[in-house]
Each structure stands twice: as C-alpha cells, then as structure tokens.
Amino acid sequence: MFEVLPLRSDASVGIEIDGTPLRVPAHFTVAAALLASGQLTCRSSAVSGAPRGPFCMMGVCFECLVEIDGVPNRQGCMTRVADGMRVRSMHANARLA
C-alpha cells in the first residue's frame, strides 16, 4: 500500500535501521523510511507483544514509536531523517525519556 512518489530532488541521507545501513530521500520521515525499506513493524505491544507499525502517519496514533539515536518513544512519522541517524525497533517496555 505504500508507494514512493517521484520528486524532483535527488538529495539523500544515510541512516541505519536495526543495524542495516540505508540511503533514503532526505525529505522522508523515519516512518516513511521504515515502510520504503519493507519493514512493516517498528515495535511490539507492551501488553500482548503483538507487532505494531506506522498507521496514521500524522502523529495521532503513536503506533510508530521507535528509538532514535538512543532516545526511546520517538514518533517515527513526526521525525524527519538526518544523515547518520540510528533507528532501532522497540520490542520491550522502554524507559521514559
């Protein structure tokens, strides 16, 4: 369901998602980079352990929480990628930042 639309800019940045280096368009959010790379989940539910992934893409649902550069509970859909960024999925209860 996620389709990358062509843009006029060729600018890209290097990020790392769960240890895998990627080059993504500089205008992407972390959630868009996850989806474009084929990764549909970014965390697991604290209650049931069920996989969760980006859903609303506008900061309302909080399903896209990830750890970014060591800071947990960041909304991937509201955070634009930056060169050298390290993103990790969250698969346990995270400490409050």
Protein backbone atom coordinates (compact mmCIF):
# COMPACT_ATOMS: atom_id res chain seq x y z
CA MET A 1 0.00 0.00 0.00
CA PHE A 2 2.98 2.32 0.47
CA GLU A 3 4.23 3.80 -2.78
CA VAL A 4 7.19 6.14 -3.12
CA LEU A 5 6.30 9.03 -5.41
CA PRO A 6 9.00 10.53 -7.63
CA LEU A 7 10.21 14.00 -6.64
CA ARG A 8 12.48 16.49 -8.32
CA SER A 9 15.17 16.34 -5.64
CA ASP A 10 17.82 13.60 -5.63
CA ALA A 11 19.13 14.51 -2.16
CA SER A 12 19.52 11.50 0.11
CA VAL A 13 20.88 10.72 3.57
CA GLY A 14 22.43 7.65 5.12
CA ILE A 15 20.61 6.17 8.11
CA GLU A 16 20.72 2.87 9.96
CA ILE A 17 17.59 0.87 10.81
CA ASP A 18 18.13 -2.02 13.22
CA GLY A 19 21.76 -2.23 12.16
CA THR A 20 21.08 -2.14 8.41
CA PRO A 21 22.52 0.89 6.58
CA LEU A 22 20.17 2.57 4.09
CA ARG A 23 20.14 5.57 1.79
CA VAL A 24 16.78 7.31 1.79
CA PRO A 25 15.45 10.55 0.33
CA ALA A 26 16.28 13.48 2.60
CA HIS A 27 12.61 14.54 2.82
CA PHE A 28 11.46 11.20 4.33
CA THR A 29 10.28 10.75 7.88
CA VAL A 30 11.60 7.80 9.86
CA ALA A 31 8.24 6.01 9.41
CA ALA A 32 8.37 6.53 5.63
CA ALA A 33 11.93 5.16 5.57
CA LEU A 34 10.79 2.07 7.51
CA LEU A 35 7.93 1.42 5.11
CA ALA A 36 10.00 2.11 1.99
CA SER A 37 12.62 -0.38 3.19
CA GLY A 38 9.92 -3.05 3.53
CA GLN A 39 9.87 -3.07 7.32
CA LEU A 40 6.22 -3.01 8.36
CA THR A 41 6.71 -3.22 12.14
CA CYS A 42 8.69 -0.93 14.41
CA ARG A 43 7.69 -2.03 17.90
CA SER A 44 5.74 -4.63 19.79
CA SER A 45 2.80 -4.05 22.09
CA ALA A 46 3.79 -3.78 25.76
CA VAL A 47 0.71 -5.80 26.75
CA SER A 48 0.41 -8.64 24.22
CA GLY A 49 3.70 -8.44 22.32
CA ALA A 50 1.75 -8.03 19.05
CA PRO A 51 3.68 -6.32 16.25
CA ARG A 52 2.88 -2.65 15.62
CA GLY A 53 3.82 -0.38 12.75
CA PRO A 54 3.13 3.06 11.27
CA PHE A 55 -0.59 3.60 10.83
CA CYS A 56 -1.89 7.16 10.65
CA MET A 57 1.37 8.86 9.53
CA MET A 58 0.29 12.14 11.14
CA GLY A 59 1.22 11.82 14.82
CA VAL A 60 -2.14 10.79 16.24
CA CYS A 61 -1.98 7.02 16.88
CA PHE A 62 1.53 6.54 18.40
CA GLU A 63 1.93 3.15 16.66
CA CYS A 64 5.24 4.20 15.06
CA LEU A 65 7.26 4.63 18.25
CA VAL A 66 10.95 3.83 17.76
CA GLU A 67 14.28 4.53 19.43
CA ILE A 68 16.23 7.22 17.57
CA ASP A 69 19.87 7.83 18.42
CA GLY A 70 19.38 6.21 21.83
CA VAL A 71 16.19 8.10 22.74
CA PRO A 72 13.16 5.77 23.07
CA ASN A 73 9.50 6.50 22.36
CA ARG A 74 10.03 8.86 19.43
CA GLN A 75 7.25 9.13 16.87
CA GLY A 76 8.72 7.95 13.58
CA CYS A 77 6.07 9.68 11.50
CA MET A 78 6.86 13.07 13.03
CA THR A 79 10.66 12.82 12.84
CA ARG A 80 12.48 13.66 9.63
CA VAL A 81 15.53 11.55 8.76
CA ALA A 82 19.00 13.02 9.24
CA ASP A 83 22.37 11.83 7.99
CA GLY A 84 23.90 9.31 10.41
CA MET A 85 20.64 8.69 12.29
CA ARG A 86 20.36 5.33 14.06
CA VAL A 87 16.87 3.91 14.39
CA ARG A 88 16.00 0.84 16.46
CA SER A 89 12.75 -1.03 16.81
CA MET A 90 11.36 -1.25 20.32
CA HIS A 91 10.44 -4.75 21.41
CA ALA A 92 10.08 -4.34 25.15
CA ASN A 93 8.86 -1.74 27.61
CA ALA A 94 11.03 1.32 27.08
CA ARG A 95 12.09 3.62 29.85
CA LEU A 96 10.54 7.05 29.80
CA ALA A 97 12.86 9.67 28.33
